[in-house]
Amino acid sequence: MLSQLYPIFIIGASLFLYSEYQSSQTNKVATIVEPRHSVEFQNSESSRPRQIATSPIRVQHQPAFQCDGRQHCRQMRTRAEARFFLTNCPNTKMDGDHDGIPCEGYF
């Protein structure tokens, strides 16, 4: 009985993990975590610096591009900019064959 449930469990767990992965990829924000460390000195004969770990600083960067109405490949400066416009901005005309790759042959 249990041996028949293992494949169902594995398939269900795989589907769940894949959906979690997909949602984490679509909502990804560039976040850099920079650890902060402080050094504390003691006034004793063996005054060696002691490192104390503190909470990390979270830095969120703004996107390098923003939707401003441009629609065509000739208006883009880089392929990265074209990719941003294709995935984030409405009414773009940069992917004629609808394969998700903007400005093929242009850059």
Foldseek 3Di string as FASTA:
>chain_A
DVVVCVVVVVVVVVVVVVVVVVVCVVPDFDKDWDWDWDWDFDPDPPTDIDIDTDHIDIDTDDDPDDDDPDAEPVVDDDQVRQLCCVVPPPDHDFCPPPPSRGPVPND
